[in-house]
PDB file of N, CA and C in Angstrom:
ATOM      1  N   MET A   1      44.493 -39.988  -6.657  1.00  0.00           N
ATOM      2  CA  MET A   1      43.883 -38.679  -6.521  1.00  0.00           C
ATOM      3  C   MET A   1      43.769 -38.037  -7.895  1.00  0.00           C
ATOM      4  N   LEU A   2      42.626 -37.465  -8.167  1.00  0.00           N
ATOM      5  CA  LEU A   2      42.382 -36.812  -9.446  1.00  0.00           C
ATOM      6  C   LEU A   2      42.791 -35.354  -9.377  1.00  0.00           C
ATOM      7  N   ASP A   3      43.336 -34.872 -10.484  1.00  0.00           N
ATOM      8  CA  ASP A   3      43.762 -33.479 -10.553  1.00  0.00           C
ATOM      9  C   ASP A   3      42.741 -32.606 -11.269  1.00  0.00           C
ATOM     10  N   GLN A   4      41.478 -32.962 -11.157  1.00  0.00           N
ATOM     11  CA  GLN A   4      40.431 -32.170 -11.808  1.00  0.00           C
ATOM     12  C   GLN A   4      39.798 -31.235 -10.793  1.00  0.00           C
ATOM     13  N   PRO A   5      39.490 -30.018 -11.226  1.00  0.00           N
ATOM     14  CA  PRO A   5      38.809 -29.104 -10.303  1.00  0.00           C
ATOM     15  C   PRO A   5      37.385 -29.596 -10.036  1.00  0.00           C
ATOM     16  N   PRO A   6      36.840 -29.280  -8.883  1.00  0.00           N
ATOM     17  CA  PRO A   6      35.474 -29.715  -8.600  1.00  0.00           C
ATOM     18  C   PRO A   6      34.484 -29.034  -9.546  1.00  0.00           C
ATOM     19  N   ALA A   7      33.428 -29.743  -9.862  1.00  0.00           N
ATOM     20  CA  ALA A   7      32.410 -29.199 -10.762  1.00  0.00           C
ATOM     21  C   ALA A   7      31.684 -28.048 -10.070  1.00  0.00           C
ATOM     22  N   VAL A   8      31.613 -26.943 -10.756  1.00  0.00           N
ATOM     23  CA  VAL A   8      30.948 -25.760 -10.215  1.00  0.00           C
ATOM     24  C   VAL A   8      29.572 -25.663 -10.868  1.00  0.00           C
ATOM     25  N   PRO A   9      28.526 -25.611 -10.075  1.00  0.00           N
ATOM     26  CA  PRO A   9      27.192 -25.483 -10.684  1.00  0.00           C
ATOM     27  C   PRO A   9      27.034 -24.126 -11.352  1.00  0.00           C
ATOM     28  N   PRO A  10      26.189 -24.051 -12.366  1.00  0.00           N
ATOM     29  CA  PRO A  10      25.996 -22.758 -13.036  1.00  0.00           C
ATOM     30  C   PRO A  10      25.371 -21.740 -12.090  1.00  0.00           C
ATOM     31  N   ASP A  11      25.671 -20.495 -12.346  1.00  0.00           N
ATOM     32  CA  ASP A  11      25.152 -19.405 -11.524  1.00  0.00           C
ATOM     33  C   ASP A  11      23.642 -19.316 -11.691  1.00  0.00           C
ATOM     34  N   SER A  12      22.926 -19.346 -10.595  1.00  0.00           N
ATOM     35  CA  SER A  12      21.464 -19.320 -10.683  1.00  0.00           C
ATOM     36  C   SER A  12      20.875 -18.012 -10.160  1.00  0.00           C
ATOM     37  N   SER A  13      21.684 -16.980 -10.101  1.00  0.00           N
ATOM     38  CA  SER A  13      21.157 -15.693  -9.646  1.00  0.00           C
ATOM     39  C   SER A  13      20.788 -14.839 -10.860  1.00  0.00           C
ATOM     40  N   PRO A  14      19.827 -13.945 -10.681  1.00  0.00           N
ATOM     41  CA  PRO A  14      19.458 -13.067 -11.801  1.00  0.00           C
ATOM     42  C   PRO A  14      20.609 -12.128 -12.162  1.00  0.00           C
ATOM     43  N   SER A  15      20.549 -11.592 -13.347  1.00  0.00           N
ATOM     44  CA  SER A  15      21.605 -10.678 -13.770  1.00  0.00           C
ATOM     45  C   SER A  15      21.565  -9.399 -12.928  1.00  0.00           C
ATOM     46  N   LEU A  16      22.666  -8.685 -12.942  1.00  0.00           N
ATOM     47  CA  LEU A  16      22.759  -7.442 -12.179  1.00  0.00           C
ATOM     48  C   LEU A  16      21.748  -6.418 -12.686  1.00  0.00           C
ATOM     49  N   LEU A  17      21.581  -6.344 -13.983  1.00  0.00           N
ATOM     50  CA  LEU A  17      20.618  -5.406 -14.556  1.00  0.00           C
ATOM     51  C   LEU A  17      19.193  -5.715 -14.083  1.00  0.00           C
ATOM     52  N   ALA A  18      18.844  -6.999 -14.049  1.00  0.00           N
ATOM     53  CA  ALA A  18      17.497  -7.376 -13.608  1.00  0.00           C
ATOM     54  C   ALA A  18      17.284  -7.016 -12.139  1.00  0.00           C
ATOM     55  N   ARG A  19      18.307  -7.227 -11.318  1.00  0.00           N
ATOM     56  CA  ARG A  19      18.176  -6.887  -9.901  1.00  0.00           C
ATOM     57  C   ARG A  19      18.082  -5.380  -9.686  1.00  0.00           C
ATOM     58  N   VAL A  20      18.846  -4.612 -10.440  1.00  0.00           N
ATOM     59  CA  VAL A  20      18.800  -3.149 -10.315  1.00  0.00           C
ATOM     60  C   VAL A  20      17.443  -2.628 -10.774  1.00  0.00           C
ATOM     61  N   LEU A  21      16.926  -3.170 -11.871  1.00  0.00           N
ATOM     62  CA  LEU A  21      15.606  -2.743 -12.346  1.00  0.00           C
ATOM     63  C   LEU A  21      14.506  -3.102 -11.348  1.00  0.00           C
ATOM     64  N   ALA A  22      14.606  -4.284 -10.740  1.00  0.00           N
ATOM     65  CA  ALA A  22      13.605  -4.678  -9.742  1.00  0.00           C
ATOM     66  C   ALA A  22      13.671  -3.760  -8.524  1.00  0.00           C
ATOM     67  N   PHE A  23      14.867  -3.446  -8.067  1.00  0.00           N
ATOM     68  CA  PHE A  23      15.020  -2.538  -6.922  1.00  0.00           C
ATOM     69  C   PHE A  23      14.477  -1.153  -7.255  1.00  0.00           C
ATOM     70  N   SER A  24      14.767  -0.682  -8.460  1.00  0.00           N
ATOM     71  CA  SER A  24      14.269   0.628  -8.884  1.00  0.00           C
ATOM     72  C   SER A  24      12.745   0.644  -8.942  1.00  0.00           C
ATOM     73  N   ALA A  25      12.156  -0.443  -9.429  1.00  0.00           N
ATOM     74  CA  ALA A  25      10.693  -0.518  -9.494  1.00  0.00           C
ATOM     75  C   ALA A  25      10.077  -0.475  -8.100  1.00  0.00           C
ATOM     76  N   ILE A  26      10.721  -1.123  -7.140  1.00  0.00           N
ATOM     77  CA  ILE A  26      10.212  -1.117  -5.763  1.00  0.00           C
ATOM     78  C   ILE A  26      10.266   0.299  -5.182  1.00  0.00           C
ATOM     79  N   ILE A  27      11.368   0.996  -5.414  1.00  0.00           N
ATOM     80  CA  ILE A  27      11.504   2.365  -4.907  1.00  0.00           C
ATOM     81  C   ILE A  27      10.478   3.292  -5.558  1.00  0.00           C
ATOM     82  N   VAL A  28      10.340   3.205  -6.879  1.00  0.00           N
ATOM     83  CA  VAL A  28       9.393   4.069  -7.588  1.00  0.00           C
ATOM     84  C   VAL A  28       7.966   3.788  -7.129  1.00  0.00           C
ATOM     85  N   ALA A  29       7.615   2.513  -6.962  1.00  0.00           N
ATOM     86  CA  ALA A  29       6.257   2.170  -6.516  1.00  0.00           C
ATOM     87  C   ALA A  29       6.003   2.688  -5.100  1.00  0.00           C
ATOM     88  N   GLY A  30       6.996   2.605  -4.239  1.00  0.00           N
ATOM     89  CA  GLY A  30       6.828   3.129  -2.890  1.00  0.00           C
ATOM     90  C   GLY A  30       6.622   4.627  -2.871  1.00  0.00           C
ATOM     91  N   VAL A  31       7.421   5.337  -3.648  1.00  0.00           N
ATOM     92  CA  VAL A  31       7.277   6.806  -3.702  1.00  0.00           C
ATOM     93  C   VAL A  31       5.927   7.193  -4.290  1.00  0.00           C
ATOM     94  N   CYS A  32       5.545   6.536  -5.385  1.00  0.00           N
ATOM     95  CA  CYS A  32       4.245   6.853  -6.001  1.00  0.00           C
ATOM     96  C   CYS A  32       3.086   6.503  -5.073  1.00  0.00           C
ATOM     97  N   GLY A  33       3.166   5.368  -4.405  1.00  0.00           N
ATOM     98  CA  GLY A  33       2.111   4.992  -3.460  1.00  0.00           C
ATOM     99  C   GLY A  33       2.004   5.970  -2.313  1.00  0.00           C
ATOM    100  N   GLY A  34       3.132   6.425  -1.817  1.00  0.00           N
ATOM    101  CA  GLY A  34       3.124   7.405  -0.743  1.00  0.00           C
ATOM    102  C   GLY A  34       2.528   8.730  -1.175  1.00  0.00           C
ATOM    103  N   LEU A  35       2.902   9.188  -2.365  1.00  0.00           N
ATOM    104  CA  LEU A  35       2.350  10.446  -2.867  1.00  0.00           C
ATOM    105  C   LEU A  35       0.848  10.354  -3.108  1.00  0.00           C
ATOM    106  N   ILE A  36       0.407   9.240  -3.667  1.00  0.00           N
ATOM    107  CA  ILE A  36      -1.028   9.075  -3.920  1.00  0.00           C
ATOM    108  C   ILE A  36      -1.795   9.000  -2.605  1.00  0.00           C
ATOM    109  N   GLY A  37      -1.296   8.226  -1.650  1.00  0.00           N
ATOM    110  CA  GLY A  37      -1.972   8.123  -0.354  1.00  0.00           C
ATOM    111  C   GLY A  37      -2.041   9.447   0.372  1.00  0.00           C
ATOM    112  N   PHE A  38      -0.941  10.187   0.347  1.00  0.00           N
ATOM    113  CA  PHE A  38      -0.927  11.503   0.988  1.00  0.00           C
ATOM    114  C   PHE A  38      -1.909  12.452   0.313  1.00  0.00           C
ATOM    115  N   ALA A  39      -1.895  12.462  -1.029  1.00  0.00           N
ATOM    116  CA  ALA A  39      -2.761  13.395  -1.759  1.00  0.00           C
ATOM    117  C   ALA A  39      -4.239  13.080  -1.536  1.00  0.00           C
ATOM    118  N   VAL A  40      -4.589  11.813  -1.553  1.00  0.00           N
ATOM    119  CA  VAL A  40      -5.997  11.446  -1.352  1.00  0.00           C
ATOM    120  C   VAL A  40      -6.446  11.821   0.053  1.00  0.00           C
ATOM    121  N   MET A  41      -5.618  11.534   1.040  1.00  0.00           N
ATOM    122  CA  MET A  41      -6.000  11.854   2.419  1.00  0.00           C
ATOM    123  C   MET A  41      -6.019  13.363   2.641  1.00  0.00           C
ATOM    124  N   ASP A  42      -5.074  14.066   2.055  1.00  0.00           N
ATOM    125  CA  ASP A  42      -5.022  15.518   2.228  1.00  0.00           C
ATOM    126  C   ASP A  42      -6.237  16.200   1.589  1.00  0.00           C
ATOM    127  N   LEU A  43      -6.673  15.697   0.445  1.00  0.00           N
ATOM    128  CA  LEU A  43      -7.833  16.277  -0.233  1.00  0.00           C
ATOM    129  C   LEU A  43      -9.148  15.920   0.459  1.00  0.00           C
ATOM    130  N   SER A  44      -9.207  14.759   1.091  1.00  0.00           N
ATOM    131  CA  SER A  44     -10.461  14.336   1.713  1.00  0.00           C
ATOM    132  C   SER A  44     -10.634  14.876   3.128  1.00  0.00           C
ATOM    133  N   CYS A  45      -9.616  15.465   3.698  1.00  0.00           N
ATOM    134  CA  CYS A  45      -9.696  16.005   5.052  1.00  0.00           C
ATOM    135  C   CYS A  45      -9.886  17.523   4.970  1.00  0.00           C
ATOM    136  N   ASP A  46     -10.914  18.016   5.630  1.00  0.00           N
ATOM    137  CA  ASP A  46     -11.228  19.449   5.566  1.00  0.00           C
ATOM    138  C   ASP A  46     -10.396  20.299   6.526  1.00  0.00           C
ATOM    139  N   ASP A  47      -9.980  19.737   7.646  1.00  0.00           N
ATOM    140  CA  ASP A  47      -9.319  20.511   8.690  1.00  0.00           C
ATOM    141  C   ASP A  47      -7.815  20.667   8.477  1.00  0.00           C
ATOM    142  N   GLY A  48      -7.279  20.197   7.393  1.00  0.00           N
ATOM    143  CA  GLY A  48      -5.839  20.299   7.177  1.00  0.00           C
ATOM    144  C   GLY A  48      -5.065  19.353   8.083  1.00  0.00           C
ATOM    145  N   CYS A  49      -5.519  18.127   8.176  1.00  0.00           N
ATOM    146  CA  CYS A  49      -4.876  17.143   9.061  1.00  0.00           C
ATOM    147  C   CYS A  49      -3.645  16.554   8.362  1.00  0.00           C
ATOM    148  N   THR A  50      -2.540  17.253   8.498  1.00  0.00           N
ATOM    149  CA  THR A  50      -1.304  16.861   7.839  1.00  0.00           C
ATOM    150  C   THR A  50      -0.711  15.605   8.441  1.00  0.00           C
ATOM    151  N   THR A  51      -0.837  15.432   9.754  1.00  0.00           N
ATOM    152  CA  THR A  51      -0.271  14.250  10.405  1.00  0.00           C
ATOM    153  C   THR A  51      -0.963  12.986   9.921  1.00  0.00           C
ATOM    154  N   THR A  52      -2.264  13.013   9.858  1.00  0.00           N
ATOM    155  CA  THR A  52      -3.009  11.848   9.386  1.00  0.00           C
ATOM    156  C   THR A  52      -2.693  11.564   7.930  1.00  0.00           C
ATOM    157  N   ALA A  53      -2.617  12.600   7.126  1.00  0.00           N
ATOM    158  CA  ALA A  53      -2.285  12.423   5.716  1.00  0.00           C
ATOM    159  C   ALA A  53      -0.882  11.845   5.559  1.00  0.00           C
ATOM    160  N   GLY A  54       0.044  12.301   6.386  1.00  0.00           N
ATOM    161  CA  GLY A  54       1.406  11.756   6.345  1.00  0.00           C
ATOM    162  C   GLY A  54       1.457  10.297   6.735  1.00  0.00           C
ATOM    163  N   LEU A  55       0.692   9.920   7.762  1.00  0.00           N
ATOM    164  CA  LEU A  55       0.671   8.519   8.192  1.00  0.00           C
ATOM    165  C   LEU A  55       0.027   7.623   7.127  1.00  0.00           C
ATOM    166  N   VAL A  56      -1.043   8.111   6.529  1.00  0.00           N
ATOM    167  CA  VAL A  56      -1.678   7.348   5.452  1.00  0.00           C
ATOM    168  C   VAL A  56      -0.730   7.243   4.257  1.00  0.00           C
ATOM    169  N   GLY A  57      -0.037   8.318   3.951  1.00  0.00           N
ATOM    170  CA  GLY A  57       0.951   8.283   2.866  1.00  0.00           C
ATOM    171  C   GLY A  57       2.060   7.294   3.145  1.00  0.00           C
ATOM    172  N   LEU A  58       2.529   7.256   4.381  1.00  0.00           N
ATOM    173  CA  LEU A  58       3.571   6.292   4.750  1.00  0.00           C
ATOM    174  C   LEU A  58       3.059   4.865   4.636  1.00  0.00           C
ATOM    175  N   GLY A  59       1.827   4.638   5.084  1.00  0.00           N
ATOM    176  CA  GLY A  59       1.253   3.292   4.991  1.00  0.00           C
ATOM    177  C   GLY A  59       1.066   2.829   3.561  1.00  0.00           C
ATOM    178  N   THR A  60       0.582   3.714   2.712  1.00  0.00           N
ATOM    179  CA  THR A  60       0.412   3.332   1.315  1.00  0.00           C
ATOM    180  C   THR A  60       1.752   3.152   0.608  1.00  0.00           C
ATOM    181  N   ALA A  61       2.759   3.903   1.022  1.00  0.00           N
ATOM    182  CA  ALA A  61       4.093   3.722   0.447  1.00  0.00           C
ATOM    183  C   ALA A  61       4.643   2.348   0.792  1.00  0.00           C
ATOM    184  N   VAL A  62       4.485   1.960   2.050  1.00  0.00           N
ATOM    185  CA  VAL A  62       4.963   0.640   2.472  1.00  0.00           C
ATOM    186  C   VAL A  62       4.187  -0.460   1.754  1.00  0.00           C
ATOM    187  N   GLY A  63       2.868  -0.298   1.667  1.00  0.00           N
ATOM    188  CA  GLY A  63       2.048  -1.302   0.990  1.00  0.00           C
ATOM    189  C   GLY A  63       2.398  -1.456  -0.479  1.00  0.00           C
ATOM    190  N   ALA A  64       2.591  -0.333  -1.160  1.00  0.00           N
ATOM    191  CA  ALA A  64       2.950  -0.388  -2.580  1.00  0.00           C
ATOM    192  C   ALA A  64       4.330  -1.010  -2.777  1.00  0.00           C
ATOM    193  N   ALA A  65       5.273  -0.680  -1.903  1.00  0.00           N
ATOM    194  CA  ALA A  65       6.620  -1.245  -2.024  1.00  0.00           C
ATOM    195  C   ALA A  65       6.609  -2.751  -1.745  1.00  0.00           C
ATOM    196  N   ILE A  66       5.846  -3.185  -0.755  1.00  0.00           N
ATOM    197  CA  ILE A  66       5.775  -4.617  -0.454  1.00  0.00           C
ATOM    198  C   ILE A  66       5.136  -5.368  -1.619  1.00  0.00           C
ATOM    199  N   GLY A  67       4.042  -4.840  -2.147  1.00  0.00           N
ATOM    200  CA  GLY A  67       3.390  -5.496  -3.280  1.00  0.00           C
ATOM    201  C   GLY A  67       4.281  -5.584  -4.502  1.00  0.00           C
ATOM    202  N   THR A  68       4.971  -4.508  -4.802  1.00  0.00           N
ATOM    203  CA  THR A  68       5.883  -4.518  -5.942  1.00  0.00           C
ATOM    204  C   THR A  68       7.070  -5.432  -5.681  1.00  0.00           C
ATOM    205  N   GLY A  69       7.524  -5.490  -4.451  1.00  0.00           N
ATOM    206  CA  GLY A  69       8.622  -6.393  -4.106  1.00  0.00           C
ATOM    207  C   GLY A  69       8.244  -7.847  -4.307  1.00  0.00           C
ATOM    208  N   ILE A  70       7.026  -8.208  -3.950  1.00  0.00           N
ATOM    209  CA  ILE A  70       6.572  -9.585  -4.149  1.00  0.00           C
ATOM    210  C   ILE A  70       6.541  -9.924  -5.632  1.00  0.00           C
ATOM    211  N   VAL A  71       5.994  -9.022  -6.426  1.00  0.00           N
ATOM    212  CA  VAL A  71       5.933  -9.255  -7.872  1.00  0.00           C
ATOM    213  C   VAL A  71       7.344  -9.324  -8.458  1.00  0.00           C
ATOM    214  N   ALA A  72       8.244  -8.469  -7.992  1.00  0.00           N
ATOM    215  CA  ALA A  72       9.619  -8.462  -8.513  1.00  0.00           C
ATOM    216  C   ALA A  72      10.343  -9.765  -8.184  1.00  0.00           C
ATOM    217  N   VAL A  73      10.190 -10.257  -6.970  1.00  0.00           N
ATOM    218  CA  VAL A  73      10.847 -11.512  -6.581  1.00  0.00           C
ATOM    219  C   VAL A  73      10.317 -12.674  -7.405  1.00  0.00           C
ATOM    220  N   LEU A  74       9.008 -12.741  -7.577  1.00  0.00           N
ATOM    221  CA  LEU A  74       8.432 -13.822  -8.379  1.00  0.00           C
ATOM    222  C   LEU A  74       8.887 -13.737  -9.834  1.00  0.00           C
ATOM    223  N   THR A  75       8.978 -12.526 -10.355  1.00  0.00           N
ATOM    224  CA  THR A  75       9.428 -12.350 -11.737  1.00  0.00           C
ATOM    225  C   THR A  75      10.888 -12.761 -11.898  1.00  0.00           C
ATOM    226  N   LEU A  76      11.744 -12.369 -10.962  1.00  0.00           N
ATOM    227  CA  LEU A  76      13.156 -12.746 -11.048  1.00  0.00           C
ATOM    228  C   LEU A  76      13.337 -14.251 -10.930  1.00  0.00           C
ATOM    229  N   ARG A  77      12.593 -14.883 -10.040  1.00  0.00           N
ATOM    230  CA  ARG A  77      12.684 -16.349  -9.907  1.00  0.00           C
ATOM    231  C   ARG A  77      12.229 -17.048 -11.176  1.00  0.00           C
ATOM    232  N   ALA A  78      11.149 -16.562 -11.767  1.00  0.00           N
ATOM    233  CA  ALA A  78      10.659 -17.169 -13.004  1.00  0.00           C
ATOM    234  C   ALA A  78      11.665 -16.992 -14.138  1.00  0.00           C
ATOM    235  N   ALA A  79      12.294 -15.837 -14.213  1.00  0.00           N
ATOM    236  CA  ALA A  79      13.275 -15.583 -15.261  1.00  0.00           C
ATOM    237  C   ALA A  79      14.486 -16.496 -15.108  1.00  0.00           C
ATOM    238  N   VAL A  80      14.941 -16.701 -13.877  1.00  0.00           N
ATOM    239  CA  VAL A  80      16.087 -17.576 -13.634  1.00  0.00           C
ATOM    240  C   VAL A  80      15.727 -19.018 -13.980  1.00  0.00           C
ATOM    241  N   GLU A  81      14.539 -19.453 -13.588  1.00  0.00           N
ATOM    242  CA  GLU A  81      14.117 -20.820 -13.888  1.00  0.00           C
ATOM    243  C   GLU A  81      13.967 -21.022 -15.392  1.00  0.00           C
ATOM    244  N   TRP A  82      13.416 -20.028 -16.077  1.00  0.00           N
ATOM    245  CA  TRP A  82      13.251 -20.129 -17.520  1.00  0.00           C
ATOM    246  C   TRP A  82      14.607 -20.200 -18.219  1.00  0.00           C
ATOM    247  N   ARG A  83      15.550 -19.391 -17.746  1.00  0.00           N
ATOM    248  CA  ARG A  83      16.885 -19.392 -18.349  1.00  0.00           C
ATOM    249  C   ARG A  83      17.609 -20.710 -18.096  1.00  0.00           C
ATOM    250  N   ALA A  84      17.385 -21.324 -16.935  1.00  0.00           N
ATOM    251  CA  ALA A  84      18.057 -22.582 -16.609  1.00  0.00           C
ATOM    252  C   ALA A  84      17.505 -23.747 -17.423  1.00  0.00           C
ATOM    253  N   GLN A  85      16.266 -23.653 -17.873  1.00  0.00           N
ATOM    254  CA  GLN A  85      15.666 -24.751 -18.626  1.00  0.00           C
ATOM    255  C   GLN A  85      15.882 -24.649 -20.124  1.00  0.00           C
ATOM    256  N   GLN A  86      16.473 -23.582 -20.595  1.00  0.00           N
ATOM    257  CA  GLN A  86      16.735 -23.463 -22.024  1.00  0.00           C
ATOM    258  C   GLN A  86      17.844 -24.430 -22.408  1.00  0.00           C
ATOM    259  N   PRO A  87      17.688 -25.121 -23.531  1.00  0.00           N
ATOM    260  CA  PRO A  87      18.748 -26.050 -23.943  1.00  0.00           C
ATOM    261  C   PRO A  87      19.978 -25.273 -24.401  1.00  0.00           C
ATOM    262  N   ALA A  88      21.103 -25.934 -24.282  1.00  0.00           N
ATOM    263  CA  ALA A  88      22.351 -25.312 -24.720  1.00  0.00           C
ATOM    264  C   ALA A  88      22.325 -25.164 -26.240  1.00  0.00           C
ATOM    265  N   VAL A  89      22.807 -24.046 -26.730  1.00  0.00           N
ATOM    266  CA  VAL A  89      22.827 -23.782 -28.163  1.00  0.00           C
ATOM    267  C   VAL A  89      24.079 -24.417 -28.740  1.00  0.00           C
ATOM    268  N   THR A  90      23.910 -25.240 -29.772  1.00  0.00           N
ATOM    269  CA  THR A  90      25.059 -25.878 -30.405  1.00  0.00           C
ATOM    270  C   THR A  90      25.317 -25.214 -31.749  1.00  0.00           C
ATOM    271  N   ALA A  91      26.554 -25.334 -32.208  1.00  0.00           N
ATOM    272  CA  ALA A  91      26.921 -24.724 -33.476  1.00  0.00           C
ATOM    273  C   ALA A  91      26.323 -25.489 -34.650  1.00  0.00           C
ATOM    274  N   GLU A  92      26.274 -26.806 -34.566  1.00  0.00           N
ATOM    275  CA  GLU A  92      25.746 -27.638 -35.635  1.00  0.00           C
ATOM    276  C   GLU A  92      24.417 -28.247 -35.205  1.00  0.00           C
ATOM    277  N   PRO A  93      23.401 -28.192 -36.058  1.00  0.00           N
ATOM    278  CA  PRO A  93      22.138 -28.841 -35.702  1.00  0.00           C
ATOM    279  C   PRO A  93      22.293 -30.358 -35.728  1.00  0.00           C
ATOM    280  N   VAL A  94      21.587 -31.025 -34.867  1.00  0.00           N
ATOM    281  CA  VAL A  94      21.627 -32.477 -34.798  1.00  0.00           C
ATOM    282  C   VAL A  94      20.697 -33.013 -35.872  1.00  0.00           C
ATOM    283  N   PRO A  95      21.206 -33.888 -36.784  1.00  0.00           N
ATOM    284  CA  PRO A  95      20.358 -34.405 -37.847  1.00  0.00           C
ATOM    285  C   PRO A  95      19.203 -35.225 -37.270  1.00  0.00           C
ATOM    286  N   GLY A  96      18.044 -35.061 -37.860  1.00  0.00           N
ATOM    287  CA  GLY A  96      16.882 -35.832 -37.434  1.00  0.00           C
ATOM    288  C   GLY A  96      16.137 -35.240 -36.256  1.00  0.00           C
ATOM    289  N   GLU A  97      16.637 -34.145 -35.682  1.00  0.00           N
ATOM    290  CA  GLU A  97      15.968 -33.528 -34.537  1.00  0.00           C
ATOM    291  C   GLU A  97      15.451 -32.151 -34.941  1.00  0.00           C
ATOM    292  N   GLY A  98      14.416 -32.150 -35.706  1.00  0.00           N
ATOM    293  CA  GLY A  98      13.767 -30.911 -36.085  1.00  0.00           C
ATOM    294  C   GLY A  98      12.357 -30.918 -35.554  1.00  0.00           C
ATOM    295  N   ARG A  99      11.568 -30.046 -36.095  1.00  0.00           N
ATOM    296  CA  ARG A  99      10.168 -30.064 -35.715  1.00  0.00           C
ATOM    297  C   ARG A  99       9.509 -31.283 -36.338  1.00  0.00           C
ATOM    298  N   PRO A 100       8.547 -31.879 -35.650  1.00  0.00           N
ATOM    299  CA  PRO A 100       7.867 -33.044 -36.227  1.00  0.00           C
ATOM    300  C   PRO A 100       7.144 -32.667 -37.513  1.00  0.00           C
ATOM    301  N   GLY A 101       7.226 -33.559 -38.494  1.00  0.00           N
ATOM    302  CA  GLY A 101       6.544 -33.323 -39.749  1.00  0.00           C
ATOM    303  C   GLY A 101       7.353 -32.535 -40.758  1.00  0.00           C
ATOM    304  N   ARG A 102       8.585 -32.193 -40.446  1.00  0.00           N
ATOM    305  CA  ARG A 102       9.420 -31.432 -41.381  1.00  0.00           C
ATOM    306  C   ARG A 102      10.610 -32.284 -41.780  1.00  0.00           C
ATOM    307  N   ARG A 103      10.956 -32.242 -43.047  1.00  0.00           N
ATOM    308  CA  ARG A 103      12.113 -32.986 -43.520  1.00  0.00           C
ATOM    309  C   ARG A 103      13.339 -32.080 -43.528  1.00  0.00           C
ATOM    310  N   ASP A 104      14.488 -32.720 -43.389  1.00  0.00           N
ATOM    311  CA  ASP A 104      15.747 -31.990 -43.429  1.00  0.00           C
ATOM    312  C   ASP A 104      16.031 -31.587 -44.873  1.00  0.00           C
ATOM    313  N   ARG A 105      16.200 -30.308 -45.148  1.00  0.00           N
ATOM    314  CA  ARG A 105      16.403 -29.808 -46.516  1.00  0.00           C
ATOM    315  C   ARG A 105      17.861 -29.474 -46.743  1.00  0.00           C
ATOM    316  N   ARG A 106      18.655 -30.465 -47.003  1.00  0.00           N
ATOM    317  CA  ARG A 106      20.075 -30.220 -47.290  1.00  0.00           C
ATOM    318  C   ARG A 106      20.407 -30.554 -48.697  1.00  0.00           C
TER     319      ARG A 106
END
């Protein structure tokens, strides 16, 4: 029996800051979409139809939040994938592994 701990895969979730910013963007987009939808409907209705304007505002808020949520999820996934594919940074450069066409200047 080996006394080694099991290998733990690296964490593949986005950072807390990235998740908080994405959530904040979704909330802000929903509020802005709702305000814009309400204002447009309220201005275009002559009879003061507040109920219709409210429903349109709610619909545009949901639509804006869903759209921003889709973009946020795709962005977070791309960021995690990009971070996972970056090579590990070493303290010493490996001799002979530079850009093609460049000589080592030591």
